[in-house]
Structures are given as structure tokens and as C-alpha cells.
Protein backbone atom coordinates (compact mmCIF):
# COMPACT_ATOMS: atom_id res chain seq x y z
CA MET A 1 52.20 73.78 40.56
CA ASN A 2 53.57 73.56 36.79
CA VAL A 3 51.07 70.55 36.32
CA THR A 4 47.73 72.30 37.79
CA PHE A 5 48.80 75.29 35.62
CA TYR A 6 48.96 73.35 32.09
CA ILE A 7 45.92 71.34 32.93
CA VAL A 8 44.28 74.66 33.75
CA ALA A 9 45.32 76.30 30.67
CA ALA A 10 44.43 73.28 28.70
CA VAL A 11 40.90 73.44 29.93
CA ALA A 12 41.39 77.39 29.02
CA VAL A 13 42.30 76.64 25.61
CA VAL A 14 39.79 73.72 24.65
CA SER A 15 36.77 75.68 26.10
CA THR A 16 37.78 78.78 24.17
CA LEU A 17 38.07 76.86 21.31
CA MET A 18 34.59 75.42 21.83
CA VAL A 19 33.33 78.99 22.21
CA ILE A 20 34.56 79.69 18.72
CA THR A 21 33.02 76.75 17.02
CA ARG A 22 29.81 76.17 18.47
CA LEU A 23 26.78 77.21 16.49
CA GLU A 24 24.38 77.67 19.53
CA MET A 25 24.56 81.02 21.22
CA ILE A 26 23.59 79.28 24.83
CA HIS A 27 26.52 76.31 24.24
CA ALA A 28 29.09 78.97 23.35
CA LEU A 29 28.21 81.11 26.34
CA LEU A 30 28.52 77.78 28.78
CA TYR A 31 31.90 77.29 26.91
CA LEU A 32 32.71 80.94 27.74
CA VAL A 33 31.68 80.45 31.44
CA VAL A 34 34.64 77.62 31.73
CA SER A 35 36.96 79.68 30.06
CA LEU A 36 36.49 82.58 32.16
CA LEU A 37 36.28 80.35 35.22
CA SER A 38 39.53 78.75 34.08
CA VAL A 39 41.42 82.07 33.89
CA ALA A 40 40.35 82.81 37.09
CA LEU A 41 41.72 79.39 38.47
CA ILE A 42 44.80 80.26 36.72
CA PHE A 43 44.71 84.00 38.81
CA PHE A 44 44.38 81.93 41.75
CA ILE A 45 47.18 79.47 41.05
CA PHE A 46 49.74 82.56 40.17
CA GLY A 47 48.93 83.97 44.01
CA ALA A 48 45.82 86.24 42.76
CA PRO A 49 42.84 85.16 44.65
CA PHE A 50 41.35 88.84 44.74
CA VAL A 51 42.11 89.13 41.20
CA ALA A 52 40.27 85.34 40.65
CA ALA A 53 37.50 86.42 42.94
CA LEU A 54 36.68 89.35 40.61
CA GLU A 55 36.97 87.17 37.21
CA VAL A 56 34.26 84.69 38.99
CA ILE A 57 31.97 87.35 40.44
CA ILE A 58 32.30 90.18 37.29
CA TYR A 59 32.59 88.07 34.40
CA ALA A 60 31.77 84.20 34.69
CA GLY A 61 28.81 85.38 37.42
CA ALA A 62 27.14 88.72 36.17
CA ILE A 63 27.95 89.18 32.71
CA MET A 64 27.35 85.83 31.66
CA VAL A 65 24.01 85.65 33.09
CA LEU A 66 23.17 88.92 31.31
CA PHE A 67 24.19 87.37 28.11
CA VAL A 68 22.02 84.29 28.90
CA PHE A 69 18.94 86.31 30.07
CA ALA A 70 19.69 88.40 27.00
CA ILE A 71 19.29 85.27 24.38
CA MET A 72 16.32 83.98 26.47
CA MET A 73 14.27 86.97 26.04
CA LEU A 74 15.34 87.96 22.35
CA ALA A 75 14.66 84.17 21.28
CA PHE A 76 11.51 84.85 19.33
CA GLY A 77 10.29 83.69 15.78
CA PRO A 78 8.21 80.58 14.78
CA HIS A 79 10.92 78.09 16.32
CA ALA A 80 11.50 79.88 19.70
CA ALA A 81 9.05 77.36 21.70
CA LYS A 82 11.23 74.29 20.26
CA ARG A 83 14.76 76.05 21.21
CA PRO A 84 14.86 75.22 24.84
CA ASP A 85 14.47 71.70 24.56
CA HIS A 86 17.01 71.87 21.94
CA TRP A 87 19.48 73.67 24.39
CA LEU A 88 19.09 71.24 26.89
CA ARG A 89 19.96 68.08 25.22
CA PRO A 90 23.28 66.63 26.43
CA GLU A 91 25.64 67.23 23.95
CA GLY A 92 25.33 70.70 24.47
CA TRP A 93 25.78 70.97 28.76
CA LEU A 94 27.87 67.44 29.07
CA GLY A 95 31.28 69.13 27.57
CA PRO A 96 31.04 72.44 29.66
CA SER A 97 30.19 70.13 32.52
CA ILE A 98 33.09 67.78 32.05
CA LEU A 99 35.76 71.01 31.80
CA SER A 100 34.22 72.41 34.88
CA ALA A 101 34.48 69.12 37.01
CA ILE A 102 38.09 69.16 36.10
CA LEU A 103 38.21 72.58 37.29
CA MET A 104 36.62 71.44 40.63
CA GLY A 105 39.03 68.95 40.84
CA GLU A 106 42.16 70.93 40.21
CA LEU A 107 40.44 73.73 42.93
CA LEU A 108 40.11 70.99 45.34
CA TYR A 109 43.61 69.54 45.03
CA ILE A 110 45.16 73.01 45.15
CA LEU A 111 43.20 73.74 48.57
CA THR A 112 43.92 70.35 49.93
CA ARG A 113 47.53 70.02 48.99
CA GLY A 114 49.45 71.15 52.65
CA SER A 115 50.88 74.16 51.53
CA GLY A 116 50.21 77.72 53.16
CA ARG A 117 51.18 79.81 50.35
CA LEU A 118 49.51 79.85 46.83
CA SER A 119 52.67 80.26 44.72
CA ALA A 120 56.43 81.76 45.20
CA ALA A 121 55.45 85.06 44.71
CA GLY A 122 52.83 85.49 47.36
CA ALA A 123 49.15 86.65 47.31
CA VAL A 124 48.96 89.98 45.85
CA GLN A 125 46.69 92.32 48.09
CA PRO A 126 43.68 94.65 46.76
CA LYS A 127 45.51 97.72 47.60
CA GLU A 128 48.50 96.61 45.47
CA VAL A 129 45.94 95.95 42.34
CA GLY A 130 44.82 99.27 43.14
CA ILE A 131 48.12 100.86 43.08
CA ALA A 132 49.22 99.22 39.86
CA LEU A 133 46.03 99.86 38.40
CA PHE A 134 45.94 103.79 38.91
CA ALA A 135 49.71 104.44 38.93
CA PRO A 136 51.68 103.39 36.30
CA TYR A 137 48.72 101.31 34.36
CA LEU A 138 46.16 104.40 34.29
CA LEU A 139 46.80 105.25 30.55
CA GLY A 140 45.76 101.51 29.74
CA VAL A 141 42.81 101.44 32.33
CA GLU A 142 41.15 104.43 30.97
CA LEU A 143 41.78 103.06 27.42
CA ALA A 144 39.99 99.99 28.45
CA SER A 145 37.10 102.03 29.67
CA MET A 146 36.91 104.14 26.47
CA LEU A 147 36.85 100.39 24.28
CA LEU A 148 34.14 99.10 26.74
CA LEU A 149 32.01 102.29 26.39
CA ALA A 150 32.46 102.19 22.56
CA GLY A 151 31.33 98.40 22.73
CA ILE A 152 28.23 99.43 24.91
CA VAL A 153 27.06 102.30 21.92
CA GLY A 154 27.93 100.13 19.19
CA ALA A 155 25.50 97.20 21.15
CA TYR A 156 22.98 99.70 21.49
CA CYS A 157 23.11 101.06 17.80
CA LEU A 158 22.86 97.15 16.74
CA GLY A 159 20.23 96.54 18.90
CA ARG A 160 17.94 99.59 18.07
CA ARG A 161 18.99 99.63 14.11
CA ASP A 162 14.81 98.55 13.39
CA VAL A 163 13.96 101.57 15.27
CA LEU A 164 16.56 103.69 13.26
CA ARG A 165 15.30 102.59 10.11
CA ASN A 166 11.91 103.06 11.02
CA ASP A 167 11.12 99.41 10.46
CA TYR A 168 8.21 99.58 12.44
CA PRO A 169 4.75 98.43 10.79
CA LYS A 170 2.28 101.78 10.98
CA GLU A 171 -0.58 101.88 12.78
CA LYS A 172 -4.12 101.90 11.61
CA GLY A 173 -4.65 105.80 10.96
CA GLU A 174 -1.33 106.83 11.02
CA ALA A 175 0.30 108.73 8.05
CA SER A 176 2.98 107.40 5.97
């Protein structure tokens, strides 16, 4: 189990560093998906398959798809027609593909090695996760929700900045 953890952790570190260093948003998002998948595999290795499934479904699935569609929809300007061809070049998807293949190999190895238990600690049930989140860690959960709400409001304000400053061109016949 130690070797599998270290390999998955290395994939997580490499993919997270690639998220930080990529200039193209789509390439950074691909590496971010790989990073989130590796974190999910770490949860799975340590006996929390429920949390791993939530990580894949919520973060790597829904939120990343939302980011990809938002970037694709907001890609406007004179170079917007050339950008999809640039995103499809092998240097953009080859790295995340290799890292994802490593993660898939690790997952297959974990699932096919003959042990019935995932780790020495055993599996964590969803009921235990709920009790832990909403009993001793209730304040942390509430603070995280407030932080997410502040992020949503901040993203909305940044996205609507042009509306708030009235930067739209005036229509014909409209008073200035």
C-alpha cells in the first residue's frame, strides 16, 4: 500500500504543479482534473471509498465540466476561432493522459490484488462521515460554506464588472 500511495501522491504533486505553470486555461483544467482524481484515489487507498466517489462525482465531474464549458463559452475575441485547434494539440492533452493512465493502472492494481480490505483502518461508512462533519466539525463545515458563498459572490461581481460600471455601448436614440 505504501508504494501505491507514493505513486499516486507523486501524480497529485506533478499534476498540481502543472496546473500552476500552464498558461492555457484548458490545459490547466485538464491537469486539475487529474489532480482531483489522484486525491480521490488517495482517499480510496486509505479506506474512504464514499469520500473518493464524492470527490470524483462532485469535483472532478461536475465542477470541472462547468469550468470547461464556461471557458469555452467565454472564449470570444478575434482569436477565438483559432483557439480550439490550439487546445487539441498533443502537448496539451498528452501529459494529463499519461498521468491518468498511471492512476488507472494504480486503481486496477488496488482492485485486483487479492485483499478484501482497502486499508488497515477499514472502510469509512457515509453515516460516520456525516456524524463527523456535523458533530465535532460543525464550525469548520459552516466556515467552509461561508467561504464558498464568498467565492460565488466574488466570482459574480468579477463577471458582472462591466455591467456595474455601465461599460456597454449606448444604443441609438439612448440618452447619455
